[in-house]
C-alpha atoms as a PDB file:
ATOM      1  CA  MET A   1     -29.145  78.043 -53.860  1.00  0.00           C
ATOM      2  CA  LYS A   2     -32.292  79.792 -54.897  1.00  0.00           C
ATOM      3  CA  LEU A   3     -35.006  77.651 -56.530  1.00  0.00           C
ATOM      4  CA  SER A   4     -36.880  79.100 -59.387  1.00  0.00           C
ATOM      5  CA  LYS A   5     -38.592  77.920 -62.469  1.00  0.00           C
ATOM      6  CA  LYS A   6     -35.617  79.323 -64.430  1.00  0.00           C
ATOM      7  CA  HIS A   7     -33.694  76.132 -63.547  1.00  0.00           C
ATOM      8  CA  PRO A   8     -36.206  73.439 -64.536  1.00  0.00           C
ATOM      9  CA  VAL A   9     -33.958  70.429 -63.772  1.00  0.00           C
ATOM     10  CA  LYS A  10     -33.212  71.495 -60.181  1.00  0.00           C
ATOM     11  CA  TYR A  11     -36.829  72.481 -59.659  1.00  0.00           C
ATOM     12  CA  ALA A  12     -38.058  69.094 -60.931  1.00  0.00           C
ATOM     13  CA  VAL A  13     -35.588  67.198 -58.708  1.00  0.00           C
ATOM     14  CA  VAL A  14     -36.757  69.024 -55.585  1.00  0.00           C
ATOM     15  CA  ILE A  15     -40.437  68.527 -56.457  1.00  0.00           C
ATOM     16  CA  MET A  16     -39.892  64.804 -57.139  1.00  0.00           C
ATOM     17  CA  THR A  17     -37.978  64.403 -53.862  1.00  0.00           C
ATOM     18  CA  LEU A  18     -40.824  66.046 -51.935  1.00  0.00           C
ATOM     19  CA  ALA A  19     -43.353  63.853 -53.713  1.00  0.00           C
ATOM     20  CA  VAL A  20     -41.411  60.679 -52.861  1.00  0.00           C
ATOM     21  CA  LEU A  21     -41.040  61.708 -49.208  1.00  0.00           C
ATOM     22  CA  THR A  22     -44.754  62.489 -48.981  1.00  0.00           C
ATOM     23  CA  LEU A  23     -45.619  59.137 -50.498  1.00  0.00           C
ATOM     24  CA  PHE A  24     -43.277  57.390 -48.044  1.00  0.00           C
ATOM     25  CA  VAL A  25     -44.952  59.113 -45.100  1.00  0.00           C
ATOM     26  CA  LEU A  26     -48.424  58.262 -46.354  1.00  0.00           C
ATOM     27  CA  LEU A  27     -47.683  54.589 -47.075  1.00  0.00           C
ATOM     28  CA  PHE A  28     -45.350  53.536 -44.292  1.00  0.00           C
ATOM     29  CA  ILE A  29     -46.103  55.728 -41.332  1.00  0.00           C
ATOM     30  CA  SER A  30     -49.873  56.058 -41.561  1.00  0.00           C
ATOM     31  CA  PRO A  31     -51.861  53.655 -39.324  1.00  0.00           C
ATOM     32  CA  GLY A  32     -53.759  52.008 -42.150  1.00  0.00           C
ATOM     33  CA  CYS A  33     -56.174  52.389 -44.949  1.00  0.00           C
ATOM     34  CA  VAL A  34     -59.872  52.889 -44.456  1.00  0.00           C
ATOM     35  CA  THR A  35     -60.636  50.229 -47.038  1.00  0.00           C
ATOM     36  CA  GLN A  36     -59.022  47.423 -45.024  1.00  0.00           C
ATOM     37  CA  PRO A  37     -61.492  44.689 -44.093  1.00  0.00           C
ATOM     38  CA  ASP A  38     -62.749  44.483 -40.534  1.00  0.00           C
ATOM     39  CA  LYS A  39     -60.354  42.190 -38.675  1.00  0.00           C
ATOM     40  CA  LYS A  40     -63.006  41.220 -36.125  1.00  0.00           C
ATOM     41  CA  PRO A  41     -66.265  40.591 -37.949  1.00  0.00           C
ATOM     42  CA  ASN A  42     -69.433  40.491 -35.911  1.00  0.00           C
ATOM     43  CA  THR A  43     -69.876  37.000 -34.536  1.00  0.00           C
ATOM     44  CA  PHE A  44     -73.387  35.752 -33.889  1.00  0.00           C
ATOM     45  CA  TYR A  45     -73.906  33.535 -30.851  1.00  0.00           C
ATOM     46  CA  VAL A  46     -76.224  30.566 -30.463  1.00  0.00           C
ATOM     47  CA  THR A  47     -76.573  28.809 -27.104  1.00  0.00           C
ATOM     48  CA  VAL A  48     -77.728  25.253 -26.470  1.00  0.00           C
ATOM     49  CA  SER A  49     -78.800  24.549 -22.882  1.00  0.00           C
ATOM     50  CA  THR A  50     -78.470  21.262 -21.005  1.00  0.00           C
ATOM     51  CA  SER A  51     -82.117  20.517 -21.800  1.00  0.00           C
ATOM     52  CA  GLY A  52     -81.481  21.060 -25.530  1.00  0.00           C
ATOM     53  CA  GLU A  53     -83.175  24.459 -25.813  1.00  0.00           C
ATOM     54  CA  ILE A  54     -81.647  26.702 -28.472  1.00  0.00           C
ATOM     55  CA  THR A  55     -81.444  30.441 -27.886  1.00  0.00           C
ATOM     56  CA  VAL A  56     -80.332  33.388 -29.986  1.00  0.00           C
ATOM     57  CA  ARG A  57     -79.962  36.704 -28.158  1.00  0.00           C
ATOM     58  CA  ASN A  58     -81.786  35.281 -25.127  1.00  0.00           C
ATOM     59  CA  GLN A  59     -84.801  34.260 -27.235  1.00  0.00           C
ATOM     60  CA  ARG A  60     -85.775  30.615 -27.496  1.00  0.00           C
ATOM     61  CA  VAL A  61     -85.757  29.329 -31.074  1.00  0.00           C
ATOM     62  CA  GLN A  62     -86.956  26.103 -32.659  1.00  0.00           C
ATOM     63  CA  LEU A  63     -84.252  24.221 -34.534  1.00  0.00           C
ATOM     64  CA  SER A  64     -86.202  24.466 -37.799  1.00  0.00           C
ATOM     65  CA  SER A  65     -86.227  28.282 -37.629  1.00  0.00           C
ATOM     66  CA  LEU A  66     -82.664  28.821 -36.361  1.00  0.00           C
ATOM     67  CA  ALA A  67     -81.231  30.013 -39.695  1.00  0.00           C
ATOM     68  CA  GLU A  68     -84.153  32.400 -40.254  1.00  0.00           C
ATOM     69  CA  LYS A  69     -83.751  33.837 -36.741  1.00  0.00           C
ATOM     70  CA  LEU A  70     -80.053  34.481 -37.331  1.00  0.00           C
ATOM     71  CA  LYS A  71     -80.817  36.176 -40.650  1.00  0.00           C
ATOM     72  CA  SER A  72     -83.430  38.365 -38.963  1.00  0.00           C
ATOM     73  CA  THR A  73     -80.820  39.501 -36.416  1.00  0.00           C
ATOM     74  CA  GLY A  74     -78.505  40.627 -39.222  1.00  0.00           C
ATOM     75  CA  ALA A  75     -76.336  37.556 -39.839  1.00  0.00           C
ATOM     76  CA  LYS A  76     -75.164  37.010 -43.383  1.00  0.00           C
ATOM     77  CA  ALA A  77     -73.819  33.876 -45.070  1.00  0.00           C
ATOM     78  CA  SER A  78     -70.272  35.123 -44.418  1.00  0.00           C
ATOM     79  CA  SER A  79     -70.935  35.895 -40.736  1.00  0.00           C
ATOM     80  CA  PRO A  80     -69.174  33.703 -38.172  1.00  0.00           C
ATOM     81  CA  ILE A  81     -71.612  31.723 -36.017  1.00  0.00           C
ATOM     82  CA  SER A  82     -70.492  30.461 -32.596  1.00  0.00           C
ATOM     83  CA  VAL A  83     -72.657  27.689 -31.122  1.00  0.00           C
ATOM     84  CA  SER A  84     -72.067  27.265 -27.391  1.00  0.00           C
ATOM     85  CA  ILE A  85     -72.929  23.731 -26.310  1.00  0.00           C
ATOM     86  CA  THR A  86     -72.803  21.881 -23.019  1.00  0.00           C
ATOM     87  CA  PRO A  87     -70.523  18.881 -22.468  1.00  0.00           C
ATOM     88  CA  ASP A  88     -73.521  16.550 -22.641  1.00  0.00           C
ATOM     89  CA  THR A  89     -74.894  17.872 -25.962  1.00  0.00           C
ATOM     90  CA  THR A  90     -75.406  14.924 -28.280  1.00  0.00           C
ATOM     91  CA  GLU A  91     -73.615  14.568 -31.580  1.00  0.00           C
ATOM     92  CA  GLN A  92     -77.005  14.093 -33.210  1.00  0.00           C
ATOM     93  CA  LEU A  93     -78.118  17.572 -32.074  1.00  0.00           C
ATOM     94  CA  MET A  94     -74.828  19.072 -33.261  1.00  0.00           C
ATOM     95  CA  ARG A  95     -75.329  17.507 -36.699  1.00  0.00           C
ATOM     96  CA  ALA A  96     -78.923  18.784 -36.830  1.00  0.00           C
ATOM     97  CA  ILE A  97     -77.790  22.327 -35.959  1.00  0.00           C
ATOM     98  CA  THR A  98     -75.049  22.136 -38.595  1.00  0.00           C
ATOM     99  CA  LYS A  99     -77.520  20.894 -41.210  1.00  0.00           C
ATOM    100  CA  GLU A 100     -79.984  23.691 -40.396  1.00  0.00           C
ATOM    101  CA  LEU A 101     -77.326  26.412 -40.545  1.00  0.00           C
ATOM    102  CA  ARG A 102     -75.773  25.064 -43.759  1.00  0.00           C
ATOM    103  CA  SER A 103     -79.188  24.869 -45.412  1.00  0.00           C
ATOM    104  CA  GLY A 104     -79.677  28.522 -44.444  1.00  0.00           C
ATOM    105  CA  GLY A 105     -76.474  29.430 -46.267  1.00  0.00           C
ATOM    106  CA  PHE A 106     -74.175  29.809 -43.250  1.00  0.00           C
ATOM    107  CA  ARG A 107     -70.692  28.414 -43.820  1.00  0.00           C
ATOM    108  CA  ARG A 108     -68.639  29.777 -40.938  1.00  0.00           C
ATOM    109  CA  LEU A 109     -69.679  28.033 -37.751  1.00  0.00           C
ATOM    110  CA  VAL A 110     -67.884  26.669 -34.746  1.00  0.00           C
ATOM    111  CA  PHE A 111     -69.059  24.691 -31.729  1.00  0.00           C
ATOM    112  CA  THR A 112     -67.631  25.667 -28.345  1.00  0.00           C
ATOM    113  CA  LYS A 113     -67.788  23.971 -24.954  1.00  0.00           C
ATOM    114  CA  PRO A 114     -67.088  25.586 -21.614  1.00  0.00           C
ATOM    115  CA  LYS A 115     -63.581  24.957 -20.385  1.00  0.00           C
ATOM    116  CA  LYS A 116     -63.222  22.671 -17.392  1.00  0.00           C
ATOM    117  CA  ASN A 117     -61.381  24.487 -14.640  1.00  0.00           C
ATOM    118  CA  VAL A 118     -59.260  22.456 -12.266  1.00  0.00           C
ATOM    119  CA  ALA A 119     -58.027  23.888  -8.989  1.00  0.00           C
ATOM    120  CA  PHE A 120     -55.589  22.375  -6.537  1.00  0.00           C
ATOM    121  CA  VAL A 121     -55.811  23.317  -2.870  1.00  0.00           C
ATOM    122  CA  ASN A 122     -53.048  22.537  -0.428  1.00  0.00           C
ATOM    123  CA  GLN A 123     -54.480  21.341   2.873  1.00  0.00           C
ATOM    124  CA  PRO A 124     -52.457  22.106   5.985  1.00  0.00           C
ATOM    125  CA  ASP A 125     -50.891  18.978   7.428  1.00  0.00           C
ATOM    126  CA  ASP A 126     -51.906  18.566  11.110  1.00  0.00           C
ATOM    127  CA  LYS A 127     -48.950  16.247  11.793  1.00  0.00           C
ATOM    128  CA  GLN A 128     -46.410  19.071  11.491  1.00  0.00           C
ATOM    129  CA  ASN A 129     -47.566  20.756  14.761  1.00  0.00           C
END
């Protein structure tokens, strides 16, 4: 069968079939669209030491200027903020940090504590020898 523009119905069917196949390949086989949102947004990290010192990017920060420091490092209101605290950080300090960050417009924040690791060691039993 020879395709030509003399047979417009056959020509249109073949063109439409090619168009549908091309669309299928583009939509279902391609890895993704460039306009998809970033699945891992940049998280900004705040650290609270055992003595209560607050640091952002290894720079000590006063609690009253924490939100401004984060903004100066590029954090936006939609940026996730991770506050690493020690097990002995008081609830009062956590509330104060939350209040400061909320007043600065930050809404996505989480407090994290280091995980306690537990190890079991089997001691050899001297009575077996």
